[in-house]
Amino acid sequence: MRDNRDGSAESRPDVLSSASEAVVLCTRNRPEALARTLGSVAEQRRAHDRPVVVVDGSEPDEARRTAHVVRHGFGRELPFYYHRYTEAPAGARQRNAGVDLLPATIRAVHFIDDDVTLRPGYFEGLCEVLNQRRHLLGVGGIIAEAEDTSPRPRVTWKHRLFLLRTNHPSRVLPSGQTTPAWPTGKKDVQPAAWLSTCASSYRAEVFDRHRFDPAVEGPSPRLEDLDFSVRVARDGPLAVVPEARCVHRVSDRNRRDTADTTRERLVRRYWFVQKNMDQPLNRLAFWWSVLGQLIALVTSSRPDSRAALQGHVRGLRQAWTRAHPLLGEEAGDG
């Protein structure tokens, strides 16, 4: 291991040379959250056979703290490759950079967020399915936001009417809205129309054809994982493994406030529909869902509903006038 001039730590690249699978973990200004995540990675079985590529887009002071976490907290427990990402930080670009660092020996690429806690057996569950079902291009786990809770959302007739939710997991609705993965009670793998990079794995050959769209930038929500996985799914099936579970702790760092989150989510959903579902009925379905969300916010009694309503109206205006970088000609095609 050597120290770089900026104080970061970087292991020798040969930690990747003989591995068949690797973890790509992108981070920005979250050293404390990253330490907890790496702790759960180190506790997985065969952790020493699974190198972790940490792609750090932090500001200088936070980058030094992040490098210290990796070097002193997990340098002996995990084989890792610390990469200081010096270009404009963005989850999509950082993931692409992490993939580019991987050698030809890698057969499976695991993505996790820096604020995730993996449950025991997470990687083994995903790899077992990838090894047994060669037709699958990617697999994901069940993601909860707290211990002992279900990620299954409440679905009402209004959600179904306005194409906002459905009672089926891992779906992409005609409006571009999605449902998360949740256990259905069956032990077998579940077909999935999309996967979250919060906790998902892909065969390495997928990246010979597909990359995360570098035009997607800024803090969450970004939707680059939805865009990426839907494009991959056109080439081959994806699935969710119910036994592979994790908790997304949802760090409050690098996130927008309620109004900006609501605005950006609406605009990016329209970007996704325009890019991947560009049919008149899909655009109509998108605007129908936007109307449903507007009605729900106007009638909501939630404390943050006023801010969310303001963001929704701004997002509607941006999408309608295409006044957003992702909706212009400069947007990338991934």
Protein backbone atom coordinates (compact mmCIF):
# COMPACT_ATOMS: atom_id res chain seq x y z
CA MET A 1 0.00 0.00 0.00
CA ARG A 2 1.20 3.50 -0.69
CA ASP A 3 0.13 7.01 0.26
CA ASN A 4 -0.76 9.45 -2.50
CA ARG A 5 0.09 13.15 -2.40
CA ASP A 6 -3.47 14.06 -1.50
CA GLY A 7 -3.27 11.83 1.58
CA SER A 8 -5.38 9.04 0.11
CA ALA A 9 -4.54 5.38 0.36
CA GLU A 10 -4.35 3.13 -2.64
CA SER A 11 -3.67 -0.57 -2.60
CA ARG A 12 -1.64 -2.26 -5.28
CA PRO A 13 -3.72 -3.11 -8.39
CA ASP A 14 -2.74 -6.77 -8.15
CA VAL A 15 -5.40 -7.33 -5.49
CA LEU A 16 -7.79 -7.47 -8.47
CA SER A 17 -5.68 -9.58 -10.79
CA SER A 18 -6.86 -13.05 -9.76
CA ALA A 19 -10.39 -12.32 -8.56
CA SER A 20 -13.51 -13.53 -10.36
CA GLU A 21 -15.88 -11.08 -8.70
CA ALA A 22 -15.50 -7.57 -7.30
CA VAL A 23 -17.50 -4.91 -5.48
CA VAL A 24 -17.72 -1.40 -6.94
CA LEU A 25 -18.64 1.08 -4.24
CA CYS A 26 -18.95 4.78 -5.10
CA THR A 27 -18.90 7.35 -2.33
CA ARG A 28 -18.88 11.09 -1.74
CA ASN A 29 -18.44 12.89 1.59
CA ARG A 30 -19.76 10.01 3.70
CA PRO A 31 -16.80 8.48 5.58
CA GLU A 32 -18.85 7.47 8.62
CA ALA A 33 -21.57 5.82 6.55
CA LEU A 34 -18.93 4.15 4.38
CA ALA A 35 -17.22 2.65 7.45
CA ARG A 36 -20.44 0.97 8.52
CA THR A 37 -21.06 -0.33 5.02
CA LEU A 38 -17.54 -1.74 4.68
CA GLY A 39 -17.99 -3.41 8.04
CA SER A 40 -20.95 -5.38 6.69
CA VAL A 41 -18.96 -6.25 3.54
CA ALA A 42 -16.05 -7.53 5.62
CA GLU A 43 -18.41 -9.79 7.57
CA GLN A 44 -19.57 -11.62 4.43
CA ARG A 45 -18.23 -15.11 3.83
CA ARG A 46 -15.22 -15.27 1.47
CA ALA A 47 -14.73 -11.51 1.86
CA HIS A 48 -11.00 -11.88 1.07
CA ASP A 49 -11.87 -13.35 -2.34
CA ARG A 50 -14.00 -10.35 -3.26
CA PRO A 51 -11.97 -7.12 -3.77
CA VAL A 52 -13.71 -3.81 -3.14
CA VAL A 53 -13.10 -0.91 -5.53
CA VAL A 54 -13.85 2.32 -3.66
CA VAL A 55 -14.38 5.18 -6.12
CA ASP A 56 -14.26 8.36 -4.05
CA GLY A 57 -15.63 11.64 -5.42
CA SER A 58 -15.35 13.46 -2.09
CA GLU A 59 -14.12 16.99 -1.51
CA PRO A 60 -10.43 17.09 -0.43
CA ASP A 61 -10.90 17.09 3.36
CA GLU A 62 -13.59 14.41 3.20
CA ALA A 63 -11.46 12.40 0.77
CA ARG A 64 -8.65 12.25 3.31
CA ARG A 65 -11.08 11.04 5.95
CA THR A 66 -12.56 8.49 3.55
CA ALA A 67 -9.12 7.18 2.60
CA HIS A 68 -8.27 6.90 6.29
CA VAL A 69 -11.42 4.83 6.89
CA VAL A 70 -10.48 2.42 4.12
CA ARG A 71 -6.79 2.23 4.95
CA HIS A 72 -6.89 1.94 8.73
CA GLY A 73 -10.33 0.45 9.22
CA PHE A 74 -10.38 -2.24 6.54
CA GLY A 75 -6.97 -2.48 4.88
CA ARG A 76 -6.28 -5.72 6.74
CA GLU A 77 -9.79 -7.15 6.51
CA LEU A 78 -10.63 -6.51 2.86
CA PRO A 79 -8.64 -6.48 -0.38
CA PHE A 80 -9.42 -3.06 -1.78
CA TYR A 81 -8.45 -0.61 -4.48
CA TYR A 82 -8.99 3.01 -3.50
CA HIS A 83 -9.50 5.30 -6.48
CA ARG A 84 -9.67 9.05 -5.98
CA TYR A 85 -12.09 10.29 -8.62
CA THR A 86 -10.95 13.82 -9.52
CA GLU A 87 -13.45 14.71 -12.24
CA ALA A 88 -16.88 16.19 -11.54
CA PRO A 89 -18.43 13.67 -9.10
CA ALA A 90 -21.48 11.77 -10.26
CA GLY A 91 -22.69 8.31 -9.35
CA ALA A 92 -23.03 7.20 -12.98
CA ARG A 93 -19.54 8.36 -13.95
CA GLN A 94 -17.96 6.97 -10.81
CA ARG A 95 -19.50 3.56 -11.42
CA ASN A 96 -18.21 3.59 -14.98
CA ALA A 97 -14.75 4.49 -13.67
CA GLY A 98 -14.92 1.63 -11.20
CA VAL A 99 -15.84 -0.84 -13.92
CA ASP A 100 -12.95 0.41 -16.06
CA LEU A 101 -10.53 -0.49 -13.26
CA LEU A 102 -11.55 -4.15 -13.27
CA PRO A 103 -9.35 -6.76 -15.00
CA ALA A 104 -10.54 -9.36 -17.50
CA THR A 105 -10.67 -12.03 -14.79
CA ILE A 106 -13.78 -10.45 -13.22
CA ARG A 107 -16.96 -12.30 -14.10
CA ALA A 108 -19.44 -10.64 -11.71
CA VAL A 109 -19.62 -6.98 -10.67
CA HIS A 110 -21.44 -6.15 -7.44
CA PHE A 111 -22.74 -2.61 -6.86
CA ILE A 112 -23.71 -1.35 -3.44
CA ASP A 113 -24.28 2.15 -2.11
CA ASP A 114 -22.13 3.64 0.63
CA ASP A 115 -25.03 3.75 3.11
CA VAL A 116 -26.07 0.10 2.91
CA THR A 117 -25.77 -2.67 5.51
CA LEU A 118 -25.61 -6.14 4.00
CA ARG A 119 -27.21 -9.08 5.78
CA PRO A 120 -25.21 -12.33 6.12
CA GLY A 121 -25.04 -14.38 2.93
CA TYR A 122 -25.85 -11.45 0.63
CA PHE A 123 -23.11 -11.97 -1.97
CA GLU A 124 -23.30 -15.77 -1.78
CA GLY A 125 -27.01 -15.67 -2.54
CA LEU A 126 -26.54 -13.51 -5.62
CA CYS A 127 -23.52 -15.42 -6.96
CA GLU A 128 -25.19 -18.78 -6.50
CA VAL A 129 -28.06 -17.69 -8.72
CA LEU A 130 -25.73 -16.17 -11.33
CA ASN A 131 -23.71 -19.41 -11.43
CA GLN A 132 -26.75 -21.65 -11.71
CA ARG A 133 -28.84 -19.60 -14.13
CA ARG A 134 -26.56 -18.63 -16.95
CA HIS A 135 -29.33 -16.85 -18.87
CA LEU A 136 -29.63 -14.11 -16.23
CA LEU A 137 -27.62 -10.94 -16.91
CA GLY A 138 -28.15 -9.37 -13.51
CA VAL A 139 -29.58 -10.04 -10.07
CA GLY A 140 -30.53 -7.89 -7.11
CA GLY A 141 -31.46 -8.21 -3.48
CA ILE A 142 -34.31 -7.13 -1.24
CA ILE A 143 -33.74 -3.58 0.03
CA ALA A 144 -35.43 -2.39 3.23
CA GLU A 145 -35.08 1.04 4.82
CA ALA A 146 -35.05 -0.28 8.39
CA GLU A 147 -34.53 -3.54 10.22
CA ASP A 148 -37.49 -5.92 10.28
CA THR A 149 -39.55 -3.85 7.84
CA SER A 150 -40.95 -4.72 4.44
CA PRO A 151 -40.08 -2.63 1.37
CA ARG A 152 -43.53 -3.38 -0.03
CA PRO A 153 -45.40 -0.07 -0.45
CA ARG A 154 -49.05 0.48 0.31
CA VAL A 155 -51.08 0.32 -2.91
CA THR A 156 -54.56 1.84 -3.20
CA TRP A 157 -57.01 2.09 -6.06
CA LYS A 158 -55.79 5.67 -6.62
CA HIS A 159 -52.22 4.42 -7.11
CA ARG A 160 -53.41 1.89 -9.65
CA LEU A 161 -55.72 4.39 -11.39
CA PHE A 162 -52.96 6.94 -11.93
CA LEU A 163 -50.31 4.32 -12.82
CA LEU A 164 -48.21 5.16 -9.76
CA ARG A 165 -47.94 1.72 -8.15
CA THR A 166 -48.97 -1.88 -8.64
CA ASN A 167 -49.18 -4.93 -6.40
CA HIS A 168 -46.35 -6.65 -8.27
CA PRO A 169 -42.70 -6.19 -7.24
CA SER A 170 -39.82 -5.01 -9.43
CA ARG A 171 -42.04 -3.62 -12.16
CA VAL A 172 -41.80 -0.62 -14.48
CA LEU A 173 -45.22 0.83 -15.16
CA PRO A 174 -46.23 2.42 -18.51
CA SER A 175 -45.88 5.83 -16.81
CA GLY A 176 -42.22 5.16 -15.94
CA GLN A 177 -43.08 4.72 -12.26
CA THR A 178 -41.58 1.66 -10.57
CA THR A 179 -42.22 -0.72 -7.72
CA PRO A 180 -39.37 -1.98 -5.52
CA ALA A 181 -38.50 -5.62 -4.89
CA TRP A 182 -40.15 -7.36 -1.95
CA PRO A 183 -40.47 -11.01 -0.86
CA THR A 184 -43.49 -12.73 -2.37
CA GLY A 185 -43.37 -15.74 -0.06
CA LYS A 186 -41.76 -17.93 -2.68
CA LYS A 187 -38.17 -19.10 -2.22
CA ASP A 188 -37.39 -19.11 -5.93
CA VAL A 189 -35.90 -16.09 -7.69
CA GLN A 190 -38.33 -13.43 -8.84
CA PRO A 191 -38.29 -11.92 -12.36
CA ALA A 192 -37.42 -8.22 -12.34
CA ALA A 193 -37.91 -5.47 -14.90
CA TRP A 194 -35.29 -3.28 -13.21
CA LEU A 195 -32.64 -3.35 -10.46
CA SER A 196 -31.38 -0.73 -8.04
CA THR A 197 -27.62 -0.18 -7.82
CA CYS A 198 -28.19 0.22 -4.10
CA ALA A 199 -27.79 -3.58 -4.14
CA SER A 200 -27.37 -5.38 -7.46
CA SER A 201 -24.90 -7.50 -9.45
CA TYR A 202 -24.27 -7.93 -13.17
CA ARG A 203 -22.23 -10.24 -15.35
CA ALA A 204 -19.08 -8.46 -16.46
CA GLU A 205 -19.86 -8.94 -20.14
CA VAL A 206 -22.84 -6.60 -19.72
CA PHE A 207 -20.40 -3.67 -19.61
CA ASP A 208 -19.03 -4.47 -23.05
CA ARG A 209 -22.29 -3.08 -24.38
CA HIS A 210 -23.84 -0.95 -21.64
CA ARG A 211 -22.63 1.83 -19.35
CA PHE A 212 -24.32 4.16 -16.90
CA ASP A 213 -25.34 7.36 -18.66
CA PRO A 214 -22.61 9.94 -17.89
CA ALA A 215 -25.07 12.79 -18.44
CA VAL A 216 -26.75 11.94 -15.13
CA GLU A 217 -25.22 13.98 -12.32
CA GLY A 218 -26.01 15.66 -9.03
CA PRO A 219 -27.24 14.23 -5.73
CA SER A 220 -30.12 11.77 -5.38
CA PRO A 221 -32.57 11.10 -6.89
CA ARG A 222 -30.77 10.28 -10.15
CA LEU A 223 -32.50 7.21 -11.68
CA GLU A 224 -29.37 6.15 -13.56
CA ASP A 225 -29.77 2.64 -12.14
CA LEU A 226 -33.30 2.38 -13.55
CA ASP A 227 -32.12 3.61 -16.94
CA PHE A 228 -29.15 1.22 -16.97
CA SER A 229 -30.99 -1.90 -15.84
CA VAL A 230 -33.89 -1.40 -18.24
CA ARG A 231 -31.46 -1.21 -21.14
CA VAL A 232 -29.68 -4.36 -19.95
CA ALA A 233 -33.02 -6.15 -19.61
CA ARG A 234 -33.59 -5.79 -23.34
CA ASP A 235 -30.63 -8.13 -23.88
CA GLY A 236 -31.53 -10.70 -21.24
CA PRO A 237 -33.56 -11.29 -18.07
CA LEU A 238 -32.94 -9.85 -14.63
CA ALA A 239 -34.04 -11.32 -11.30
CA VAL A 240 -34.30 -10.64 -7.58
CA VAL A 241 -32.96 -13.15 -5.05
CA PRO A 242 -35.20 -13.03 -1.92
CA GLU A 243 -32.47 -14.49 0.33
CA ALA A 244 -30.05 -11.63 -0.49
CA ARG A 245 -31.08 -8.79 1.79
CA CYS A 246 -29.76 -5.44 2.93
CA VAL A 247 -30.83 -2.30 4.74
CA HIS A 248 -30.52 1.07 3.00
CA ARG A 249 -29.82 3.50 5.80
CA VAL A 250 -30.47 6.53 3.52
CA SER A 251 -27.78 9.00 4.54
CA ASP A 252 -28.94 12.60 4.60
CA ARG A 253 -25.65 13.80 3.09
CA ASN A 254 -25.55 14.65 -0.63
CA ARG A 255 -29.32 14.84 -0.83
CA ARG A 256 -31.63 17.61 -1.90
CA ASP A 257 -34.37 19.13 0.25
CA THR A 258 -37.99 18.04 -0.18
CA ALA A 259 -38.88 20.58 -2.88
CA ASP A 260 -35.78 19.94 -4.98
CA THR A 261 -36.08 16.16 -4.55
CA THR A 262 -39.68 16.21 -5.77
CA ARG A 263 -38.84 18.49 -8.69
CA GLU A 264 -35.84 16.48 -9.78
CA ARG A 265 -37.60 13.14 -9.45
CA LEU A 266 -40.39 14.29 -11.76
CA VAL A 267 -37.99 15.65 -14.38
CA ARG A 268 -35.78 12.57 -14.32
CA ARG A 269 -38.77 10.26 -14.59
CA TYR A 270 -39.75 12.11 -17.74
CA TRP A 271 -36.17 11.80 -19.01
CA PHE A 272 -36.34 8.05 -18.40
CA VAL A 273 -39.66 7.69 -20.25
CA GLN A 274 -38.44 9.83 -23.14
CA LYS A 275 -35.25 7.82 -23.47
CA ASN A 276 -36.51 4.27 -22.89
CA MET A 277 -40.28 4.26 -23.45
CA ASP A 278 -40.70 6.91 -26.11
CA GLN A 279 -44.18 6.07 -27.35
CA PRO A 280 -47.21 8.39 -27.33
CA LEU A 281 -49.08 6.17 -24.87
CA ASN A 282 -46.15 6.17 -22.47
CA ARG A 283 -45.88 9.95 -22.53
CA LEU A 284 -49.62 10.19 -21.93
CA ALA A 285 -49.28 7.70 -19.06
CA PHE A 286 -46.47 9.78 -17.58
CA TRP A 287 -48.51 12.99 -17.57
CA TRP A 288 -51.50 11.08 -16.18
CA SER A 289 -49.33 9.91 -13.27
CA VAL A 290 -48.10 13.49 -12.74
CA LEU A 291 -51.74 14.59 -12.42
CA GLY A 292 -52.34 11.85 -9.85
CA GLN A 293 -49.34 12.97 -7.83
CA LEU A 294 -50.52 16.58 -8.00
CA ILE A 295 -53.96 15.65 -6.64
CA ALA A 296 -52.37 13.60 -3.87
CA LEU A 297 -50.13 16.48 -2.80
CA VAL A 298 -52.93 19.06 -2.87
CA THR A 299 -55.05 16.88 -0.56
CA SER A 300 -52.19 15.66 1.63
CA SER A 301 -51.86 16.55 5.32
CA ARG A 302 -48.19 15.54 5.55
CA PRO A 303 -45.94 18.21 7.14
CA ASP A 304 -43.74 18.41 4.04
CA SER A 305 -46.59 18.35 1.52
CA ARG A 306 -46.39 22.10 0.83
CA ALA A 307 -42.69 21.91 -0.07
CA ALA A 308 -43.32 18.77 -2.12
CA LEU A 309 -46.17 20.50 -3.97
CA GLN A 310 -43.92 23.45 -4.81
CA GLY A 311 -41.28 21.08 -6.13
CA HIS A 312 -43.83 19.12 -8.12
CA VAL A 313 -45.12 22.24 -9.85
CA ARG A 314 -41.58 23.36 -10.66
CA GLY A 315 -40.72 19.93 -12.00
CA LEU A 316 -43.86 19.88 -14.12
CA ARG A 317 -42.87 23.22 -15.61
CA GLN A 318 -39.33 22.04 -16.30
CA ALA A 319 -40.48 18.84 -17.96
CA TRP A 320 -43.09 20.60 -20.06
CA THR A 321 -40.67 23.28 -21.28
CA ARG A 322 -37.70 20.85 -21.38
CA ALA A 323 -35.72 23.35 -19.29
CA HIS A 324 -33.35 20.76 -17.85
CA PRO A 325 -29.96 19.50 -19.08
CA LEU A 326 -31.14 15.88 -19.29
CA LEU A 327 -34.00 16.84 -21.59
CA GLY A 328 -31.87 18.75 -24.09
CA GLU A 329 -29.68 17.61 -26.93
CA GLU A 330 -26.62 17.54 -24.67
CA ALA A 331 -27.99 14.59 -22.70
CA GLY A 332 -25.98 11.40 -23.20
CA ASP A 333 -27.35 8.11 -24.52
CA GLY A 334 -25.51 5.81 -22.13
